[in-house]
Amino acid sequence: MASLSLAACTTGPSEFSDPAVPIEVKVGEEFALVLESNATTGYRWTLTAGLETSIVRLLITEYRAGNSGGLVGAGGKEYWRFGAEGRGTTLIPMSYTREGGPPANTAVFTVTVK
């Protein structure tokens, strides 16, 4: 029974989607920004400024289609996984655009690494 409960406690990185809620993580931890997206129409999230890599480092980005099978117009989510490198507070500014167009949305996440 103990091994089952230990396995149940194993999870991936903490996930955040609301830029109004500050993110707090510890040095060495990973965390993910999970953002509504619709890659089927050409929109995607991008960083609008460089990261303070002494505090956070981008590890990987991934688009996951929703349950609609990738139909045009059907949305999904983008997962941006970061590693907490060193203590401090930084911003992760992002923009939701398609090539050549103005942003349809923006978000700025505040991250504190302790």
C-alpha atoms as a PDB file:
ATOM      1  CA  MET A   1       0.000   0.000   0.000  1.00  0.00           C
ATOM      2  CA  ALA A   2       2.807   2.431   0.811  1.00  0.00           C
ATOM      3  CA  SER A   3       4.310   2.063  -2.652  1.00  0.00           C
ATOM      4  CA  LEU A   4       0.975   2.920  -4.229  1.00  0.00           C
ATOM      5  CA  SER A   5       0.625   6.105  -2.227  1.00  0.00           C
ATOM      6  CA  LEU A   6       4.202   7.127  -3.032  1.00  0.00           C
ATOM      7  CA  ALA A   7       3.540   6.588  -6.736  1.00  0.00           C
ATOM      8  CA  ALA A   8       0.394   8.689  -6.476  1.00  0.00           C
ATOM      9  CA  CYS A   9       2.437  11.591  -5.065  1.00  0.00           C
ATOM     10  CA  THR A  10       4.782  11.672  -8.052  1.00  0.00           C
ATOM     11  CA  THR A  11       3.747  14.504 -10.319  1.00  0.00           C
ATOM     12  CA  GLY A  12       5.223  16.694 -13.005  1.00  0.00           C
ATOM     13  CA  PRO A  13       6.173  20.328 -12.606  1.00  0.00           C
ATOM     14  CA  SER A  14       3.732  22.780 -11.057  1.00  0.00           C
ATOM     15  CA  GLU A  15       1.508  24.394 -13.701  1.00  0.00           C
ATOM     16  CA  PHE A  16       0.393  28.025 -13.813  1.00  0.00           C
ATOM     17  CA  SER A  17      -2.021  29.744 -16.197  1.00  0.00           C
ATOM     18  CA  ASP A  18      -3.120  32.987 -14.516  1.00  0.00           C
ATOM     19  CA  PRO A  19      -0.618  35.843 -14.934  1.00  0.00           C
ATOM     20  CA  ALA A  20      -2.330  37.737 -12.090  1.00  0.00           C
ATOM     21  CA  VAL A  21      -1.128  35.108  -9.597  1.00  0.00           C
ATOM     22  CA  PRO A  22       2.579  35.382  -8.697  1.00  0.00           C
ATOM     23  CA  ILE A  23       4.601  32.172  -9.107  1.00  0.00           C
ATOM     24  CA  GLU A  24       6.934  31.023  -6.321  1.00  0.00           C
ATOM     25  CA  VAL A  25       9.329  28.115  -6.844  1.00  0.00           C
ATOM     26  CA  LYS A  26      12.567  26.862  -5.309  1.00  0.00           C
ATOM     27  CA  VAL A  27      15.973  26.751  -6.978  1.00  0.00           C
ATOM     28  CA  GLY A  28      16.218  23.551  -8.993  1.00  0.00           C
ATOM     29  CA  GLU A  29      12.470  23.099  -9.451  1.00  0.00           C
ATOM     30  CA  GLU A  30      10.711  23.068 -12.797  1.00  0.00           C
ATOM     31  CA  PHE A  31       7.404  24.786 -13.517  1.00  0.00           C
ATOM     32  CA  ALA A  32       5.167  25.168 -16.553  1.00  0.00           C
ATOM     33  CA  LEU A  33       3.085  27.981 -17.965  1.00  0.00           C
ATOM     34  CA  VAL A  34      -0.053  26.486 -19.531  1.00  0.00           C
ATOM     35  CA  LEU A  35      -1.764  28.828 -21.973  1.00  0.00           C
ATOM     36  CA  GLU A  36      -4.903  28.456 -24.066  1.00  0.00           C
ATOM     37  CA  SER A  37      -3.855  28.402 -27.706  1.00  0.00           C
ATOM     38  CA  ASN A  38      -5.147  27.651 -31.178  1.00  0.00           C
ATOM     39  CA  ALA A  39      -2.252  26.569 -33.381  1.00  0.00           C
ATOM     40  CA  THR A  40      -4.652  25.355 -36.080  1.00  0.00           C
ATOM     41  CA  THR A  41      -5.316  29.000 -36.988  1.00  0.00           C
ATOM     42  CA  GLY A  42      -1.683  30.106 -36.883  1.00  0.00           C
ATOM     43  CA  TYR A  43      -1.689  31.704 -33.441  1.00  0.00           C
ATOM     44  CA  ARG A  44       1.004  30.874 -30.901  1.00  0.00           C
ATOM     45  CA  TRP A  45       2.555  32.272 -27.746  1.00  0.00           C
ATOM     46  CA  THR A  46       6.016  33.856 -27.905  1.00  0.00           C
ATOM     47  CA  LEU A  47       8.330  35.512 -25.419  1.00  0.00           C
ATOM     48  CA  THR A  48       8.342  39.271 -25.949  1.00  0.00           C
ATOM     49  CA  ALA A  49      11.648  39.833 -24.134  1.00  0.00           C
ATOM     50  CA  GLY A  50      14.689  37.836 -23.163  1.00  0.00           C
ATOM     51  CA  LEU A  51      14.694  35.836 -19.970  1.00  0.00           C
ATOM     52  CA  GLU A  52      16.916  36.533 -16.988  1.00  0.00           C
ATOM     53  CA  THR A  53      18.660  33.182 -17.396  1.00  0.00           C
ATOM     54  CA  SER A  54      20.389  33.509 -14.036  1.00  0.00           C
ATOM     55  CA  ILE A  55      16.886  33.149 -12.517  1.00  0.00           C
ATOM     56  CA  VAL A  56      14.840  31.056 -15.006  1.00  0.00           C
ATOM     57  CA  ARG A  57      15.699  29.051 -18.093  1.00  0.00           C
ATOM     58  CA  LEU A  58      13.320  27.880 -20.821  1.00  0.00           C
ATOM     59  CA  LEU A  59      13.511  24.103 -21.135  1.00  0.00           C
ATOM     60  CA  ILE A  60      10.868  23.195 -23.736  1.00  0.00           C
ATOM     61  CA  THR A  61       7.642  24.327 -25.360  1.00  0.00           C
ATOM     62  CA  GLU A  62       4.915  21.995 -26.533  1.00  0.00           C
ATOM     63  CA  TYR A  63       1.480  22.376 -28.128  1.00  0.00           C
ATOM     64  CA  ARG A  64      -1.184  19.870 -27.113  1.00  0.00           C
ATOM     65  CA  ALA A  65      -4.348  19.758 -29.198  1.00  0.00           C
ATOM     66  CA  GLY A  66      -7.675  19.559 -27.408  1.00  0.00           C
ATOM     67  CA  ASN A  67     -10.017  16.592 -27.649  1.00  0.00           C
ATOM     68  CA  SER A  68     -11.356  17.666 -31.048  1.00  0.00           C
ATOM     69  CA  GLY A  69      -8.729  15.789 -33.059  1.00  0.00           C
ATOM     70  CA  GLY A  70      -6.914  18.856 -34.425  1.00  0.00           C
ATOM     71  CA  LEU A  71      -9.816  20.268 -36.446  1.00  0.00           C
ATOM     72  CA  VAL A  72      -9.291  23.770 -37.830  1.00  0.00           C
ATOM     73  CA  GLY A  73     -10.591  26.264 -35.315  1.00  0.00           C
ATOM     74  CA  ALA A  74     -10.357  23.828 -32.413  1.00  0.00           C
ATOM     75  CA  GLY A  75      -8.079  24.948 -29.629  1.00  0.00           C
ATOM     76  CA  GLY A  76      -5.556  23.352 -27.370  1.00  0.00           C
ATOM     77  CA  LYS A  77      -2.895  24.431 -24.898  1.00  0.00           C
ATOM     78  CA  GLU A  78       0.726  25.450 -25.054  1.00  0.00           C
ATOM     79  CA  TYR A  79       3.020  24.214 -22.310  1.00  0.00           C
ATOM     80  CA  TRP A  80       6.128  26.282 -21.592  1.00  0.00           C
ATOM     81  CA  ARG A  81       8.413  24.460 -19.141  1.00  0.00           C
ATOM     82  CA  PHE A  82      11.033  26.427 -17.235  1.00  0.00           C
ATOM     83  CA  GLY A  83      13.775  25.574 -14.774  1.00  0.00           C
ATOM     84  CA  ALA A  84      14.408  27.709 -11.696  1.00  0.00           C
ATOM     85  CA  GLU A  85      18.137  28.491 -11.877  1.00  0.00           C
ATOM     86  CA  GLY A  86      18.874  31.008  -9.130  1.00  0.00           C
ATOM     87  CA  ARG A  87      17.256  33.175  -6.481  1.00  0.00           C
ATOM     88  CA  GLY A  88      15.476  36.351  -7.490  1.00  0.00           C
ATOM     89  CA  THR A  89      12.322  37.749  -9.047  1.00  0.00           C
ATOM     90  CA  THR A  90      11.802  38.119 -12.772  1.00  0.00           C
ATOM     91  CA  LEU A  91       9.084  38.657 -15.352  1.00  0.00           C
ATOM     92  CA  ILE A  92       8.142  36.352 -18.210  1.00  0.00           C
ATOM     93  CA  PRO A  93       6.358  38.565 -20.780  1.00  0.00           C
ATOM     94  CA  MET A  94       4.439  36.755 -23.508  1.00  0.00           C
ATOM     95  CA  SER A  95       2.350  37.623 -26.547  1.00  0.00           C
ATOM     96  CA  TYR A  96      -0.243  35.560 -28.457  1.00  0.00           C
ATOM     97  CA  THR A  97       0.088  36.371 -32.157  1.00  0.00           C
ATOM     98  CA  ARG A  98       0.221  34.954 -35.607  1.00  0.00           C
ATOM     99  CA  GLU A  99       3.008  35.887 -37.973  1.00  0.00           C
ATOM    100  CA  GLY A 100       2.860  39.506 -39.082  1.00  0.00           C
ATOM    101  CA  GLY A 101      -0.188  40.379 -37.002  1.00  0.00           C
ATOM    102  CA  PRO A 102      -0.764  42.375 -33.857  1.00  0.00           C
ATOM    103  CA  PRO A 103      -1.037  40.510 -30.540  1.00  0.00           C
ATOM    104  CA  ALA A 104      -4.430  38.998 -29.830  1.00  0.00           C
ATOM    105  CA  ASN A 105      -3.471  38.655 -26.176  1.00  0.00           C
ATOM    106  CA  THR A 106      -0.577  39.336 -23.816  1.00  0.00           C
ATOM    107  CA  ALA A 107       0.436  37.988 -20.436  1.00  0.00           C
ATOM    108  CA  VAL A 108       3.211  38.834 -17.999  1.00  0.00           C
ATOM    109  CA  PHE A 109       4.027  36.253 -15.342  1.00  0.00           C
ATOM    110  CA  THR A 110       5.952  37.230 -12.209  1.00  0.00           C
ATOM    111  CA  VAL A 111       8.251  34.476 -10.956  1.00  0.00           C
ATOM    112  CA  THR A 112      10.111  34.446  -7.647  1.00  0.00           C
ATOM    113  CA  VAL A 113      12.740  31.781  -7.120  1.00  0.00           C
ATOM    114  CA  LYS A 114      13.663  31.161  -3.467  1.00  0.00           C
END
